[in-house]
């Protein structure tokens, strides 16, 4: 059994975003999201350790969440990224969004 080193609960989502990797912005869909990172559906492979930025909007905040990240793995269907660190307002917005997903108030 694989060692699961994630420190944040993952949530299945469908959030439109923009991934900037190697200077090229690409529209994307985030399909899995946590306070620690995201799984992004896309068809390009990216090298492990590559630096990137992802930006997306949530219904719990008016501004875009934009965060630096690093590629942890990639294949022909998706890329897994780990966030560098979220701002306090982004953590709040994500936690409120996760509550909505779980049917909380």
PDB file of N, CA and C in Angstrom:
ATOM      1  N   UNK A   1       0.848  -1.180   0.000  1.00  0.00           N
ATOM      2  CA  UNK A   1       0.000   0.000   0.000  1.00  0.00           C
ATOM      3  C   UNK A   1       0.891   1.240   0.000  1.00  0.00           C
ATOM      4  N   UNK A   2       0.544   2.223  -0.806  1.00  0.00           N
ATOM      5  CA  UNK A   2       1.349   3.439  -0.929  1.00  0.00           C
ATOM      6  C   UNK A   2       1.220   4.300   0.318  1.00  0.00           C
ATOM      7  N   UNK A   3       2.294   4.966   0.645  1.00  0.00           N
ATOM      8  CA  UNK A   3       2.310   5.893   1.761  1.00  0.00           C
ATOM      9  C   UNK A   3       1.629   7.186   1.340  1.00  0.00           C
ATOM     10  N   UNK A   4       0.552   7.570   2.016  1.00  0.00           N
ATOM     11  CA  UNK A   4      -0.158   8.793   1.689  1.00  0.00           C
ATOM     12  C   UNK A   4       0.386   9.911   2.563  1.00  0.00           C
ATOM     13  N   UNK A   5       1.165  10.807   1.966  1.00  0.00           N
ATOM     14  CA  UNK A   5       1.809  11.875   2.720  1.00  0.00           C
ATOM     15  C   UNK A   5       1.035  13.176   2.673  1.00  0.00           C
ATOM     16  N   UNK A   6      -0.169  13.173   2.154  1.00  0.00           N
ATOM     17  CA  UNK A   6      -0.952  14.404   2.091  1.00  0.00           C
ATOM     18  C   UNK A   6      -1.337  14.844   3.486  1.00  0.00           C
ATOM     19  N   UNK A   7      -1.265  16.158   3.707  1.00  0.00           N
ATOM     20  CA  UNK A   7      -1.622  16.687   5.009  1.00  0.00           C
ATOM     21  C   UNK A   7      -2.983  17.372   4.997  1.00  0.00           C
ATOM     22  N   UNK A   8      -3.610  17.476   3.829  1.00  0.00           N
ATOM     23  CA  UNK A   8      -4.905  18.151   3.691  1.00  0.00           C
ATOM     24  C   UNK A   8      -5.905  17.242   3.006  1.00  0.00           C
ATOM     25  N   UNK A   9      -7.154  17.318   3.459  1.00  0.00           N
ATOM     26  CA  UNK A   9      -8.222  16.536   2.858  1.00  0.00           C
ATOM     27  C   UNK A   9      -8.474  17.013   1.429  1.00  0.00           C
ATOM     28  N   UNK A  10      -8.594  16.065   0.506  1.00  0.00           N
ATOM     29  CA  UNK A  10      -8.865  16.389  -0.894  1.00  0.00           C
ATOM     30  C   UNK A  10     -10.368  16.385  -1.139  1.00  0.00           C
ATOM     31  N   UNK A  11     -10.808  17.276  -2.033  1.00  0.00           N
ATOM     32  CA  UNK A  11     -12.224  17.394  -2.374  1.00  0.00           C
ATOM     33  C   UNK A  11     -12.387  17.318  -3.887  1.00  0.00           C
ATOM     34  N   UNK A  12     -13.326  16.480  -4.335  1.00  0.00           N
ATOM     35  CA  UNK A  12     -13.628  16.401  -5.765  1.00  0.00           C
ATOM     36  C   UNK A  12     -14.379  17.667  -6.159  1.00  0.00           C
ATOM     37  N   UNK A  13     -13.888  18.343  -7.193  1.00  0.00           N
ATOM     38  CA  UNK A  13     -14.475  19.604  -7.641  1.00  0.00           C
ATOM     39  C   UNK A  13     -14.453  19.651  -9.164  1.00  0.00           C
ATOM     40  N   UNK A  14     -15.029  20.686  -9.705  1.00  0.00           N
ATOM     41  CA  UNK A  14     -14.886  21.021 -11.120  1.00  0.00           C
ATOM     42  C   UNK A  14     -14.793  22.539 -11.183  1.00  0.00           C
ATOM     43  N   UNK A  15     -13.558  23.023 -11.097  1.00  0.00           N
ATOM     44  CA  UNK A  15     -13.289  24.455 -11.012  1.00  0.00           C
ATOM     45  C   UNK A  15     -12.449  24.863 -12.219  1.00  0.00           C
ATOM     46  N   UNK A  16     -12.928  25.853 -12.959  1.00  0.00           N
ATOM     47  CA  UNK A  16     -12.191  26.363 -14.107  1.00  0.00           C
ATOM     48  C   UNK A  16     -11.031  27.208 -13.597  1.00  0.00           C
ATOM     49  N   UNK A  17      -9.873  27.025 -14.221  1.00  0.00           N
ATOM     50  CA  UNK A  17      -8.711  27.791 -13.805  1.00  0.00           C
ATOM     51  C   UNK A  17      -7.769  28.046 -14.964  1.00  0.00           C
ATOM     52  N   UNK A  18      -6.640  28.636 -14.621  1.00  0.00           N
ATOM     53  CA  UNK A  18      -5.585  28.873 -15.599  1.00  0.00           C
ATOM     54  C   UNK A  18      -4.280  28.417 -14.965  1.00  0.00           C
ATOM     55  N   UNK A  19      -3.575  27.554 -15.657  1.00  0.00           N
ATOM     56  CA  UNK A  19      -2.285  27.040 -15.219  1.00  0.00           C
ATOM     57  C   UNK A  19      -1.210  27.682 -16.075  1.00  0.00           C
ATOM     58  N   UNK A  20      -0.217  28.274 -15.433  1.00  0.00           N
ATOM     59  CA  UNK A  20       0.918  28.857 -16.149  1.00  0.00           C
ATOM     60  C   UNK A  20       2.137  28.024 -15.800  1.00  0.00           C
ATOM     61  N   UNK A  21       2.641  27.317 -16.803  1.00  0.00           N
ATOM     62  CA  UNK A  21       3.778  26.435 -16.621  1.00  0.00           C
ATOM     63  C   UNK A  21       4.752  26.691 -17.753  1.00  0.00           C
ATOM     64  N   UNK A  22       5.994  26.918 -17.410  1.00  0.00           N
ATOM     65  CA  UNK A  22       7.025  27.227 -18.400  1.00  0.00           C
ATOM     66  C   UNK A  22       6.638  28.452 -19.228  1.00  0.00           C
ATOM     67  N   UNK A  23       6.000  29.430 -18.559  1.00  0.00           N
ATOM     68  CA  UNK A  23       5.637  30.685 -19.214  1.00  0.00           C
ATOM     69  C   UNK A  23       4.413  30.642 -20.090  1.00  0.00           C
ATOM     70  N   UNK A  24       3.795  29.479 -20.246  1.00  0.00           N
ATOM     71  CA  UNK A  24       2.645  29.349 -21.139  1.00  0.00           C
ATOM     72  C   UNK A  24       1.351  29.178 -20.341  1.00  0.00           C
ATOM     73  N   UNK A  25       0.425  30.155 -20.422  1.00  0.00           N
ATOM     74  CA  UNK A  25      -0.866  30.001 -19.742  1.00  0.00           C
ATOM     75  C   UNK A  25      -1.787  29.064 -20.506  1.00  0.00           C
ATOM     76  N   UNK A  26      -2.425  28.163 -19.786  1.00  0.00           N
ATOM     77  CA  UNK A  26      -3.329  27.184 -20.389  1.00  0.00           C
ATOM     78  C   UNK A  26      -4.602  27.122 -19.548  1.00  0.00           C
ATOM     79  N   UNK A  27      -5.764  27.230 -20.175  1.00  0.00           N
ATOM     80  CA  UNK A  27      -7.019  27.027 -19.461  1.00  0.00           C
ATOM     81  C   UNK A  27      -7.071  25.584 -18.987  1.00  0.00           C
ATOM     82  N   UNK A  28      -7.621  25.380 -17.799  1.00  0.00           N
ATOM     83  CA  UNK A  28      -7.641  24.027 -17.245  1.00  0.00           C
ATOM     84  C   UNK A  28      -8.870  23.845 -16.363  1.00  0.00           C
ATOM     85  N   UNK A  29      -9.076  22.608 -15.945  1.00  0.00           N
ATOM     86  CA  UNK A  29     -10.117  22.281 -14.983  1.00  0.00           C
ATOM     87  C   UNK A  29      -9.474  21.585 -13.798  1.00  0.00           C
ATOM     88  N   UNK A  30      -9.700  22.149 -12.625  1.00  0.00           N
ATOM     89  CA  UNK A  30      -9.229  21.529 -11.392  1.00  0.00           C
ATOM     90  C   UNK A  30     -10.277  20.505 -10.989  1.00  0.00           C
ATOM     91  N   UNK A  31      -9.868  19.257 -10.807  1.00  0.00           N
ATOM     92  CA  UNK A  31     -10.821  18.185 -10.507  1.00  0.00           C
ATOM     93  C   UNK A  31     -10.696  17.676  -9.077  1.00  0.00           C
ATOM     94  N   UNK A  32      -9.672  18.130  -8.384  1.00  0.00           N
ATOM     95  CA  UNK A  32      -9.431  17.695  -7.024  1.00  0.00           C
ATOM     96  C   UNK A  32      -8.675  18.825  -6.347  1.00  0.00           C
ATOM     97  N   UNK A  33      -9.120  19.248  -5.158  1.00  0.00           N
ATOM     98  CA  UNK A  33      -8.554  20.439  -4.546  1.00  0.00           C
ATOM     99  C   UNK A  33      -8.440  20.259  -3.042  1.00  0.00           C
ATOM    100  N   UNK A  34      -7.353  20.763  -2.484  1.00  0.00           N
ATOM    101  CA  UNK A  34      -7.163  20.775  -1.036  1.00  0.00           C
ATOM    102  C   UNK A  34      -6.406  22.036  -0.665  1.00  0.00           C
ATOM    103  N   UNK A  35      -6.150  22.221   0.612  1.00  0.00           N
ATOM    104  CA  UNK A  35      -5.338  23.355   1.044  1.00  0.00           C
ATOM    105  C   UNK A  35      -3.882  23.176   0.647  1.00  0.00           C
ATOM    106  N   UNK A  36      -3.505  21.954   0.297  1.00  0.00           N
ATOM    107  CA  UNK A  36      -2.114  21.681  -0.039  1.00  0.00           C
ATOM    108  C   UNK A  36      -1.791  21.627  -1.515  1.00  0.00           C
ATOM    109  N   UNK A  37      -2.820  21.469  -2.370  1.00  0.00           N
ATOM    110  CA  UNK A  37      -2.537  21.352  -3.789  1.00  0.00           C
ATOM    111  C   UNK A  37      -3.771  21.027  -4.594  1.00  0.00           C
ATOM    112  N   UNK A  38      -3.536  20.605  -5.841  1.00  0.00           N
ATOM    113  CA  UNK A  38      -4.653  20.363  -6.753  1.00  0.00           C
ATOM    114  C   UNK A  38      -4.280  19.303  -7.782  1.00  0.00           C
ATOM    115  N   UNK A  39      -5.304  18.642  -8.288  1.00  0.00           N
ATOM    116  CA  UNK A  39      -5.185  17.744  -9.433  1.00  0.00           C
ATOM    117  C   UNK A  39      -5.866  18.457 -10.590  1.00  0.00           C
ATOM    118  N   UNK A  40      -5.118  18.646 -11.667  1.00  0.00           N
ATOM    119  CA  UNK A  40      -5.599  19.405 -12.807  1.00  0.00           C
ATOM    120  C   UNK A  40      -5.690  18.491 -14.018  1.00  0.00           C
ATOM    121  N   UNK A  41      -6.875  18.451 -14.634  1.00  0.00           N
ATOM    122  CA  UNK A  41      -7.066  17.651 -15.845  1.00  0.00           C
ATOM    123  C   UNK A  41      -6.443  18.396 -17.014  1.00  0.00           C
ATOM    124  N   UNK A  42      -5.517  17.752 -17.701  1.00  0.00           N
ATOM    125  CA  UNK A  42      -4.945  18.314 -18.911  1.00  0.00           C
ATOM    126  C   UNK A  42      -4.172  17.246 -19.668  1.00  0.00           C
ATOM    127  N   UNK A  43      -3.850  17.517 -20.897  1.00  0.00           N
ATOM    128  CA  UNK A  43      -3.309  16.481 -21.769  1.00  0.00           C
ATOM    129  C   UNK A  43      -1.803  16.571 -21.996  1.00  0.00           C
ATOM    130  N   UNK A  44      -1.128  17.495 -21.318  1.00  0.00           N
ATOM    131  CA  UNK A  44       0.312  17.643 -21.499  1.00  0.00           C
ATOM    132  C   UNK A  44       1.063  17.102 -20.289  1.00  0.00           C
ATOM    133  N   UNK A  45       2.168  16.436 -20.542  1.00  0.00           N
ATOM    134  CA  UNK A  45       3.039  15.990 -19.455  1.00  0.00           C
ATOM    135  C   UNK A  45       3.967  17.134 -19.073  1.00  0.00           C
ATOM    136  N   UNK A  46       4.248  17.236 -17.789  1.00  0.00           N
ATOM    137  CA  UNK A  46       5.150  18.268 -17.293  1.00  0.00           C
ATOM    138  C   UNK A  46       6.190  17.617 -16.390  1.00  0.00           C
ATOM    139  N   UNK A  47       7.415  18.138 -16.400  1.00  0.00           N
ATOM    140  CA  UNK A  47       8.467  17.523 -15.588  1.00  0.00           C
ATOM    141  C   UNK A  47       8.229  17.705 -14.092  1.00  0.00           C
ATOM    142  N   UNK A  48       8.484  16.643 -13.351  1.00  0.00           N
ATOM    143  CA  UNK A  48       8.381  16.696 -11.901  1.00  0.00           C
ATOM    144  C   UNK A  48       9.330  17.776 -11.390  1.00  0.00           C
ATOM    145  N   UNK A  49       8.846  18.605 -10.473  1.00  0.00           N
ATOM    146  CA  UNK A  49       9.649  19.673  -9.915  1.00  0.00           C
ATOM    147  C   UNK A  49       9.530  20.991 -10.650  1.00  0.00           C
ATOM    148  N   UNK A  50       8.816  21.014 -11.779  1.00  0.00           N
ATOM    149  CA  UNK A  50       8.648  22.263 -12.542  1.00  0.00           C
ATOM    150  C   UNK A  50       7.831  23.263 -11.727  1.00  0.00           C
ATOM    151  N   UNK A  51       8.216  24.521 -11.791  1.00  0.00           N
ATOM    152  CA  UNK A  51       7.496  25.589 -11.110  1.00  0.00           C
ATOM    153  C   UNK A  51       6.306  26.018 -11.964  1.00  0.00           C
ATOM    154  N   UNK A  52       5.206  26.362 -11.309  1.00  0.00           N
ATOM    155  CA  UNK A  52       4.022  26.808 -12.025  1.00  0.00           C
ATOM    156  C   UNK A  52       3.214  27.757 -11.147  1.00  0.00           C
ATOM    157  N   UNK A  53       2.202  28.347 -11.751  1.00  0.00           N
ATOM    158  CA  UNK A  53       1.229  29.167 -11.039  1.00  0.00           C
ATOM    159  C   UNK A  53      -0.146  28.709 -11.485  1.00  0.00           C
ATOM    160  N   UNK A  54      -1.081  28.649 -10.557  1.00  0.00           N
ATOM    161  CA  UNK A  54      -2.457  28.332 -10.915  1.00  0.00           C
ATOM    162  C   UNK A  54      -3.349  29.437 -10.352  1.00  0.00           C
ATOM    163  N   UNK A  55      -4.341  29.828 -11.148  1.00  0.00           N
ATOM    164  CA  UNK A  55      -5.305  30.842 -10.731  1.00  0.00           C
ATOM    165  C   UNK A  55      -6.704  30.294 -10.961  1.00  0.00           C
ATOM    166  N   UNK A  56      -7.598  30.528  -9.994  1.00  0.00           N
ATOM    167  CA  UNK A  56      -8.974  30.052 -10.120  1.00  0.00           C
ATOM    168  C   UNK A  56      -9.874  30.892  -9.227  1.00  0.00           C
ATOM    169  N   UNK A  57     -11.156  30.821  -9.511  1.00  0.00           N
ATOM    170  CA  UNK A  57     -12.153  31.594  -8.772  1.00  0.00           C
ATOM    171  C   UNK A  57     -13.098  30.648  -8.059  1.00  0.00           C
ATOM    172  N   UNK A  58     -13.427  31.013  -6.829  1.00  0.00           N
ATOM    173  CA  UNK A  58     -14.390  30.246  -6.044  1.00  0.00           C
ATOM    174  C   UNK A  58     -15.588  31.131  -5.728  1.00  0.00           C
ATOM    175  N   UNK A  59     -16.757  30.533  -5.514  1.00  0.00           N
ATOM    176  CA  UNK A  59     -17.943  31.339  -5.197  1.00  0.00           C
ATOM    177  C   UNK A  59     -17.855  32.005  -3.822  1.00  0.00           C
ATOM    178  N   UNK A  60     -16.907  31.633  -3.015  1.00  0.00           N
ATOM    179  CA  UNK A  60     -16.791  32.184  -1.660  1.00  0.00           C
ATOM    180  C   UNK A  60     -15.882  33.405  -1.580  1.00  0.00           C
ATOM    181  N   UNK A  61     -15.349  33.862  -2.733  1.00  0.00           N
ATOM    182  CA  UNK A  61     -14.473  35.029  -2.725  1.00  0.00           C
ATOM    183  C   UNK A  61     -14.569  35.750  -4.064  1.00  0.00           C
ATOM    184  N   UNK A  62     -14.563  37.067  -4.014  1.00  0.00           N
ATOM    185  CA  UNK A  62     -14.681  37.867  -5.239  1.00  0.00           C
ATOM    186  C   UNK A  62     -13.409  37.850  -6.074  1.00  0.00           C
ATOM    187  N   UNK A  63     -12.246  37.826  -5.425  1.00  0.00           N
ATOM    188  CA  UNK A  63     -10.980  37.872  -6.146  1.00  0.00           C
ATOM    189  C   UNK A  63     -10.523  36.467  -6.557  1.00  0.00           C
ATOM    190  N   UNK A  64      -9.654  36.436  -7.564  1.00  0.00           N
ATOM    191  CA  UNK A  64      -9.028  35.174  -7.961  1.00  0.00           C
ATOM    192  C   UNK A  64      -8.094  34.690  -6.868  1.00  0.00           C
ATOM    193  N   UNK A  65      -8.020  33.403  -6.712  1.00  0.00           N
ATOM    194  CA  UNK A  65      -6.957  32.801  -5.916  1.00  0.00           C
ATOM    195  C   UNK A  65      -5.840  32.495  -6.898  1.00  0.00           C
ATOM    196  N   UNK A  66      -4.677  33.027  -6.645  1.00  0.00           N
ATOM    197  CA  UNK A  66      -3.514  32.786  -7.495  1.00  0.00           C
ATOM    198  C   UNK A  66      -2.379  32.347  -6.589  1.00  0.00           C
ATOM    199  N   UNK A  67      -1.819  31.166  -6.884  1.00  0.00           N
ATOM    200  CA  UNK A  67      -0.813  30.608  -5.994  1.00  0.00           C
ATOM    201  C   UNK A  67       0.287  29.914  -6.798  1.00  0.00           C
ATOM    202  N   UNK A  68       1.510  30.092  -6.343  1.00  0.00           N
ATOM    203  CA  UNK A  68       2.633  29.367  -6.924  1.00  0.00           C
ATOM    204  C   UNK A  68       2.598  27.920  -6.466  1.00  0.00           C
ATOM    205  N   UNK A  69       3.175  27.052  -7.281  1.00  0.00           N
ATOM    206  CA  UNK A  69       3.141  25.629  -6.956  1.00  0.00           C
ATOM    207  C   UNK A  69       4.287  24.913  -7.663  1.00  0.00           C
ATOM    208  N   UNK A  70       4.414  23.639  -7.352  1.00  0.00           N
ATOM    209  CA  UNK A  70       5.419  22.798  -7.991  1.00  0.00           C
ATOM    210  C   UNK A  70       4.735  21.518  -8.468  1.00  0.00           C
ATOM    211  N   UNK A  71       5.126  21.036  -9.633  1.00  0.00           N
ATOM    212  CA  UNK A  71       4.578  19.791 -10.183  1.00  0.00           C
ATOM    213  C   UNK A  71       5.137  18.622  -9.374  1.00  0.00           C
ATOM    214  N   UNK A  72       4.257  17.807  -8.831  1.00  0.00           N
ATOM    215  CA  UNK A  72       4.670  16.613  -8.086  1.00  0.00           C
ATOM    216  C   UNK A  72       4.606  15.357  -8.942  1.00  0.00           C
ATOM    217  N   UNK A  73       3.709  15.342  -9.926  1.00  0.00           N
ATOM    218  CA  UNK A  73       3.638  14.244 -10.898  1.00  0.00           C
ATOM    219  C   UNK A  73       2.798  14.697 -12.081  1.00  0.00           C
ATOM    220  N   UNK A  74       2.936  13.979 -13.179  1.00  0.00           N
ATOM    221  CA  UNK A  74       2.200  14.328 -14.393  1.00  0.00           C
ATOM    222  C   UNK A  74       2.108  13.108 -15.296  1.00  0.00           C
ATOM    223  N   UNK A  75       0.971  12.976 -15.984  1.00  0.00           N
ATOM    224  CA  UNK A  75       0.840  11.951 -17.017  1.00  0.00           C
ATOM    225  C   UNK A  75       0.029  12.532 -18.173  1.00  0.00           C
ATOM    226  N   UNK A  76      -0.478  11.710 -19.065  1.00  0.00           N
ATOM    227  CA  UNK A  76      -1.172  12.187 -20.258  1.00  0.00           C
ATOM    228  C   UNK A  76      -2.564  12.738 -19.970  1.00  0.00           C
ATOM    229  N   UNK A  77      -3.083  12.561 -18.758  1.00  0.00           N
ATOM    230  CA  UNK A  77      -4.438  12.995 -18.456  1.00  0.00           C
ATOM    231  C   UNK A  77      -4.513  14.074 -17.380  1.00  0.00           C
ATOM    232  N   UNK A  78      -3.479  14.209 -16.568  1.00  0.00           N
ATOM    233  CA  UNK A  78      -3.565  15.160 -15.460  1.00  0.00           C
ATOM    234  C   UNK A  78      -2.193  15.488 -14.887  1.00  0.00           C
ATOM    235  N   UNK A  79      -2.194  16.534 -14.067  1.00  0.00           N
ATOM    236  CA  UNK A  79      -0.974  16.954 -13.379  1.00  0.00           C
ATOM    237  C   UNK A  79      -1.325  17.244 -11.922  1.00  0.00           C
ATOM    238  N   UNK A  80      -0.497  16.748 -11.027  1.00  0.00           N
ATOM    239  CA  UNK A  80      -0.675  16.994  -9.600  1.00  0.00           C
ATOM    240  C   UNK A  80       0.301  18.060  -9.148  1.00  0.00           C
ATOM    241  N   UNK A  81      -0.227  19.107  -8.516  1.00  0.00           N
ATOM    242  CA  UNK A  81       0.641  20.191  -8.060  1.00  0.00           C
ATOM    243  C   UNK A  81       0.509  20.372  -6.550  1.00  0.00           C
ATOM    244  N   UNK A  82       1.596  20.820  -5.938  1.00  0.00           N
ATOM    245  CA  UNK A  82       1.610  21.149  -4.516  1.00  0.00           C
ATOM    246  C   UNK A  82       1.786  22.656  -4.391  1.00  0.00           C
ATOM    247  N   UNK A  83       0.872  23.298  -3.659  1.00  0.00           N
ATOM    248  CA  UNK A  83       0.942  24.741  -3.485  1.00  0.00           C
ATOM    249  C   UNK A  83       2.158  25.117  -2.650  1.00  0.00           C
ATOM    250  N   UNK A  84       2.723  26.290  -2.965  1.00  0.00           N
ATOM    251  CA  UNK A  84       3.814  26.839  -2.158  1.00  0.00           C
ATOM    252  C   UNK A  84       3.303  27.298  -0.805  1.00  0.00           C
ATOM    253  N   UNK A  85       2.141  27.855  -0.792  1.00  0.00           N
ATOM    254  CA  UNK A  85       1.539  28.395   0.427  1.00  0.00           C
ATOM    255  C   UNK A  85       0.452  29.373   0.046  1.00  0.00           C
ATOM    256  N   UNK A  86      -0.661  29.273   0.708  1.00  0.00           N
ATOM    257  CA  UNK A  86      -1.807  30.122   0.413  1.00  0.00           C
ATOM    258  C   UNK A  86      -1.843  31.315   1.362  1.00  0.00           C
ATOM    259  N   UNK A  87      -2.377  32.421   0.887  1.00  0.00           N
ATOM    260  CA  UNK A  87      -2.613  33.573   1.758  1.00  0.00           C
ATOM    261  C   UNK A  87      -3.771  33.240   2.697  1.00  0.00           C
ATOM    262  N   UNK A  88      -3.843  33.928   3.808  1.00  0.00           N
ATOM    263  CA  UNK A  88      -4.888  33.674   4.809  1.00  0.00           C
ATOM    264  C   UNK A  88      -6.279  33.790   4.209  1.00  0.00           C
ATOM    265  N   UNK A  89      -6.507  34.809   3.367  1.00  0.00           N
ATOM    266  CA  UNK A  89      -7.838  34.982   2.761  1.00  0.00           C
ATOM    267  C   UNK A  89      -8.171  33.822   1.832  1.00  0.00           C
ATOM    268  N   UNK A  90      -7.149  33.252   1.177  1.00  0.00           N
ATOM    269  CA  UNK A  90      -7.377  32.112   0.288  1.00  0.00           C
ATOM    270  C   UNK A  90      -7.729  30.862   1.086  1.00  0.00           C
ATOM    271  N   UNK A  91      -7.040  30.669   2.207  1.00  0.00           N
ATOM    272  CA  UNK A  91      -7.355  29.530   3.086  1.00  0.00           C
ATOM    273  C   UNK A  91      -8.792  29.645   3.577  1.00  0.00           C
ATOM    274  N   UNK A  92      -9.192  30.847   3.990  1.00  0.00           N
ATOM    275  CA  UNK A  92     -10.563  31.066   4.452  1.00  0.00           C
ATOM    276  C   UNK A  92     -11.559  30.729   3.348  1.00  0.00           C
ATOM    277  N   UNK A  93     -11.332  31.259   2.130  1.00  0.00           N
ATOM    278  CA  UNK A  93     -12.250  31.035   1.012  1.00  0.00           C
ATOM    279  C   UNK A  93     -12.338  29.549   0.658  1.00  0.00           C
ATOM    280  N   UNK A  94     -11.206  28.875   0.658  1.00  0.00           N
ATOM    281  CA  UNK A  94     -11.213  27.435   0.369  1.00  0.00           C
ATOM    282  C   UNK A  94     -11.969  26.663   1.439  1.00  0.00           C
ATOM    283  N   UNK A  95     -11.730  26.974   2.705  1.00  0.00           N
ATOM    284  CA  UNK A  95     -12.442  26.271   3.777  1.00  0.00           C
ATOM    285  C   UNK A  95     -13.948  26.507   3.698  1.00  0.00           C
ATOM    286  N   UNK A  96     -14.367  27.733   3.375  1.00  0.00           N
ATOM    287  CA  UNK A  96     -15.789  28.014   3.198  1.00  0.00           C
ATOM    288  C   UNK A  96     -16.361  27.231   2.016  1.00  0.00           C
ATOM    289  N   UNK A  97     -15.607  27.153   0.940  1.00  0.00           N
ATOM    290  CA  UNK A  97     -16.022  26.388  -0.240  1.00  0.00           C
ATOM    291  C   UNK A  97     -16.148  24.900   0.099  1.00  0.00           C
ATOM    292  N   UNK A  98     -15.176  24.370   0.828  1.00  0.00           N
ATOM    293  CA  UNK A  98     -15.231  22.956   1.213  1.00  0.00           C
ATOM    294  C   UNK A  98     -16.452  22.679   2.093  1.00  0.00           C
ATOM    295  N   UNK A  99     -16.802  23.616   2.978  1.00  0.00           N
ATOM    296  CA  UNK A  99     -18.000  23.455   3.813  1.00  0.00           C
ATOM    297  C   UNK A  99     -19.233  23.353   2.927  1.00  0.00           C
ATOM    298  N   UNK A 100     -19.301  24.222   1.881  1.00  0.00           N
ATOM    299  CA  UNK A 100     -20.426  24.175   0.950  1.00  0.00           C
ATOM    300  C   UNK A 100     -20.502  22.829   0.248  1.00  0.00           C
ATOM    301  N   UNK A 101     -19.344  22.309  -0.162  1.00  0.00           N
ATOM    302  CA  UNK A 101     -19.313  21.015  -0.844  1.00  0.00           C
ATOM    303  C   UNK A 101     -19.854  19.893   0.040  1.00  0.00           C
ATOM    304  N   UNK A 102     -19.569  20.020   1.327  1.00  0.00           N
ATOM    305  CA  UNK A 102     -19.972  18.991   2.276  1.00  0.00           C
ATOM    306  C   UNK A 102     -21.393  19.219   2.818  1.00  0.00           C
ATOM    307  N   UNK A 103     -22.057  20.268   2.326  1.00  0.00           N
ATOM    308  CA  UNK A 103     -23.425  20.542   2.730  1.00  0.00           C
ATOM    309  C   UNK A 103     -23.533  21.332   4.018  1.00  0.00           C
ATOM    310  N   UNK A 104     -22.419  21.899   4.478  1.00  0.00           N
ATOM    311  CA  UNK A 104     -22.432  22.732   5.692  1.00  0.00           C
ATOM    312  C   UNK A 104     -22.859  24.142   5.374  1.00  0.00           C
ATOM    313  N   UNK A 105     -23.039  24.928   6.408  1.00  0.00           N
ATOM    314  CA  UNK A 105     -23.467  26.317   6.201  1.00  0.00           C
ATOM    315  C   UNK A 105     -22.294  27.256   6.072  1.00  0.00           C
TER     316      UNK A 105
END
